[in-house]
Amino acid sequence: MSTSMRESIRAKIRRARQVVGEILYGMTVHDMVLGLRRQRGEVERLFALILFGDLVGLPILPPYYTLRLLPYVMPALHRWKRSLLRERDLSDLAELIEAVD
């Protein structure tokens, strides 16, 4: 058997292993990963609201502490304001109601 044929077979086996791994991932933990990402986003938005609530009229922390944390939160600040001011839909409210149960 030539080396090019062996490499071709190895490549096919690697590809089959990758496909099987992706299928198993999708069947087992994909939904959990999406839920965890959604929860992380909610926690980050809540954190930003606590820190920079004075931008939307809800001061919680004194400005001194907020300014000390500003360099760490600055990259996500624009995304937070956009998500906070986004129009909500009935489907968004349905997700929140399901999470309460």
C-alpha atoms as a PDB file:
ATOM      1  CA  MET A   1       0.000   0.000   0.000  1.00  0.00           C
ATOM      2  CA  SER A   2       1.445   3.382  -0.938  1.00  0.00           C
ATOM      3  CA  THR A   3       1.895   6.249   1.495  1.00  0.00           C
ATOM      4  CA  SER A   4      -0.539   8.498  -0.385  1.00  0.00           C
ATOM      5  CA  MET A   5      -3.249   5.859  -0.019  1.00  0.00           C
ATOM      6  CA  ARG A   6      -2.507   5.540   3.721  1.00  0.00           C
ATOM      7  CA  GLU A   7      -2.693   9.313   4.151  1.00  0.00           C
ATOM      8  CA  SER A   8      -5.997   9.366   2.290  1.00  0.00           C
ATOM      9  CA  ILE A   9      -7.427   6.677   4.562  1.00  0.00           C
ATOM     10  CA  ARG A  10      -6.148   8.475   7.671  1.00  0.00           C
ATOM     11  CA  ALA A  11      -7.706  11.731   6.490  1.00  0.00           C
ATOM     12  CA  LYS A  12     -11.048   9.992   5.953  1.00  0.00           C
ATOM     13  CA  ILE A  13     -10.877   8.392   9.400  1.00  0.00           C
ATOM     14  CA  ARG A  14     -10.055  11.778  10.996  1.00  0.00           C
ATOM     15  CA  ARG A  15     -12.964  13.397   9.162  1.00  0.00           C
ATOM     16  CA  ALA A  16     -15.355  10.603  10.217  1.00  0.00           C
ATOM     17  CA  ARG A  17     -14.196  10.947  13.833  1.00  0.00           C
ATOM     18  CA  GLN A  18     -14.767  14.717  13.659  1.00  0.00           C
ATOM     19  CA  VAL A  19     -18.274  14.275  12.219  1.00  0.00           C
ATOM     20  CA  VAL A  20     -19.219  11.722  14.883  1.00  0.00           C
ATOM     21  CA  GLY A  21     -17.866  14.034  17.582  1.00  0.00           C
ATOM     22  CA  GLU A  22     -19.901  16.969  16.284  1.00  0.00           C
ATOM     23  CA  ILE A  23     -23.052  14.840  16.142  1.00  0.00           C
ATOM     24  CA  LEU A  24     -22.553  13.645  19.719  1.00  0.00           C
ATOM     25  CA  TYR A  25     -21.865  17.218  20.850  1.00  0.00           C
ATOM     26  CA  GLY A  26     -25.079  18.408  19.207  1.00  0.00           C
ATOM     27  CA  MET A  27     -27.085  15.584  20.756  1.00  0.00           C
ATOM     28  CA  THR A  28     -25.752  15.981  24.269  1.00  0.00           C
ATOM     29  CA  VAL A  29     -24.521  19.402  25.338  1.00  0.00           C
ATOM     30  CA  HIS A  30     -25.291  21.945  22.608  1.00  0.00           C
ATOM     31  CA  ASP A  31     -28.564  23.073  24.206  1.00  0.00           C
ATOM     32  CA  MET A  32     -26.885  23.405  27.593  1.00  0.00           C
ATOM     33  CA  VAL A  33     -24.084  25.514  26.099  1.00  0.00           C
ATOM     34  CA  LEU A  34     -26.627  27.853  24.495  1.00  0.00           C
ATOM     35  CA  GLY A  35     -28.469  28.196  27.810  1.00  0.00           C
ATOM     36  CA  LEU A  36     -25.251  28.959  29.659  1.00  0.00           C
ATOM     37  CA  ARG A  37     -24.293  31.600  27.087  1.00  0.00           C
ATOM     38  CA  ARG A  38     -27.718  33.210  27.468  1.00  0.00           C
ATOM     39  CA  GLN A  39     -27.372  33.225  31.263  1.00  0.00           C
ATOM     40  CA  ARG A  40     -23.891  34.713  31.024  1.00  0.00           C
ATOM     41  CA  GLY A  41     -25.255  37.511  28.855  1.00  0.00           C
ATOM     42  CA  GLU A  42     -27.988  38.226  31.383  1.00  0.00           C
ATOM     43  CA  VAL A  43     -25.473  38.352  34.240  1.00  0.00           C
ATOM     44  CA  GLU A  44     -23.209  40.673  32.251  1.00  0.00           C
ATOM     45  CA  ARG A  45     -26.129  42.997  31.498  1.00  0.00           C
ATOM     46  CA  LEU A  46     -27.124  43.032  35.162  1.00  0.00           C
ATOM     47  CA  PHE A  47     -23.521  43.767  36.166  1.00  0.00           C
ATOM     48  CA  ALA A  48     -23.360  46.650  33.705  1.00  0.00           C
ATOM     49  CA  LEU A  49     -26.692  47.971  34.987  1.00  0.00           C
ATOM     50  CA  ILE A  50     -25.399  47.965  38.549  1.00  0.00           C
ATOM     51  CA  LEU A  51     -22.184  49.711  37.542  1.00  0.00           C
ATOM     52  CA  PHE A  52     -23.460  52.175  34.967  1.00  0.00           C
ATOM     53  CA  GLY A  53     -27.104  52.544  35.865  1.00  0.00           C
ATOM     54  CA  ASP A  54     -26.618  56.296  36.142  1.00  0.00           C
ATOM     55  CA  LEU A  55     -26.329  56.385  32.325  1.00  0.00           C
ATOM     56  CA  VAL A  56     -29.993  55.384  32.152  1.00  0.00           C
ATOM     57  CA  GLY A  57     -31.122  57.199  35.307  1.00  0.00           C
ATOM     58  CA  LEU A  58     -30.657  54.458  37.900  1.00  0.00           C
ATOM     59  CA  PRO A  59     -27.652  55.320  40.110  1.00  0.00           C
ATOM     60  CA  ILE A  60     -26.737  52.432  42.406  1.00  0.00           C
ATOM     61  CA  LEU A  61     -22.979  52.667  43.042  1.00  0.00           C
ATOM     62  CA  PRO A  62     -21.073  55.864  43.770  1.00  0.00           C
ATOM     63  CA  PRO A  63     -19.284  57.248  40.693  1.00  0.00           C
ATOM     64  CA  TYR A  64     -15.838  56.715  42.237  1.00  0.00           C
ATOM     65  CA  TYR A  65     -16.106  52.930  42.107  1.00  0.00           C
ATOM     66  CA  THR A  66     -17.743  53.039  38.711  1.00  0.00           C
ATOM     67  CA  LEU A  67     -14.877  55.040  37.245  1.00  0.00           C
ATOM     68  CA  ARG A  68     -12.320  52.622  38.638  1.00  0.00           C
ATOM     69  CA  LEU A  69     -14.021  49.740  36.835  1.00  0.00           C
ATOM     70  CA  LEU A  70     -14.604  51.675  33.608  1.00  0.00           C
ATOM     71  CA  PRO A  71     -11.497  50.427  31.737  1.00  0.00           C
ATOM     72  CA  TYR A  72     -12.565  46.806  32.242  1.00  0.00           C
ATOM     73  CA  VAL A  73     -16.177  47.318  31.167  1.00  0.00           C
ATOM     74  CA  MET A  74     -15.614  49.819  28.364  1.00  0.00           C
ATOM     75  CA  PRO A  75     -15.458  47.246  25.526  1.00  0.00           C
ATOM     76  CA  ALA A  76     -18.913  45.899  26.432  1.00  0.00           C
ATOM     77  CA  LEU A  77     -20.553  49.228  27.279  1.00  0.00           C
ATOM     78  CA  HIS A  78     -21.857  50.019  23.794  1.00  0.00           C
ATOM     79  CA  ARG A  79     -23.276  46.499  23.394  1.00  0.00           C
ATOM     80  CA  TRP A  80     -24.941  46.779  26.814  1.00  0.00           C
ATOM     81  CA  LYS A  81     -26.629  50.092  26.000  1.00  0.00           C
ATOM     82  CA  ARG A  82     -27.857  48.712  22.686  1.00  0.00           C
ATOM     83  CA  SER A  83     -29.316  45.573  24.329  1.00  0.00           C
ATOM     84  CA  LEU A  84     -30.892  47.635  27.101  1.00  0.00           C
ATOM     85  CA  LEU A  85     -32.653  50.001  24.703  1.00  0.00           C
ATOM     86  CA  ARG A  86     -33.683  47.314  22.201  1.00  0.00           C
ATOM     87  CA  GLU A  87     -37.382  46.803  21.594  1.00  0.00           C
ATOM     88  CA  ARG A  88     -38.760  43.758  23.349  1.00  0.00           C
ATOM     89  CA  ASP A  89     -41.031  41.242  21.692  1.00  0.00           C
ATOM     90  CA  LEU A  90     -43.617  38.873  23.124  1.00  0.00           C
ATOM     91  CA  SER A  91     -41.237  35.996  22.447  1.00  0.00           C
ATOM     92  CA  ASP A  92     -38.655  37.677  24.713  1.00  0.00           C
ATOM     93  CA  LEU A  93     -41.231  37.908  27.481  1.00  0.00           C
ATOM     94  CA  ALA A  94     -42.158  34.252  27.001  1.00  0.00           C
ATOM     95  CA  GLU A  95     -38.529  33.265  27.637  1.00  0.00           C
ATOM     96  CA  LEU A  96     -38.517  35.271  30.851  1.00  0.00           C
ATOM     97  CA  ILE A  97     -41.766  33.679  32.030  1.00  0.00           C
ATOM     98  CA  GLU A  98     -40.440  30.162  31.296  1.00  0.00           C
ATOM     99  CA  ALA A  99     -37.271  30.928  33.268  1.00  0.00           C
ATOM    100  CA  VAL A 100     -39.315  31.778  36.390  1.00  0.00           C
ATOM    101  CA  ASP A 101     -40.870  28.307  36.627  1.00  0.00           C
END
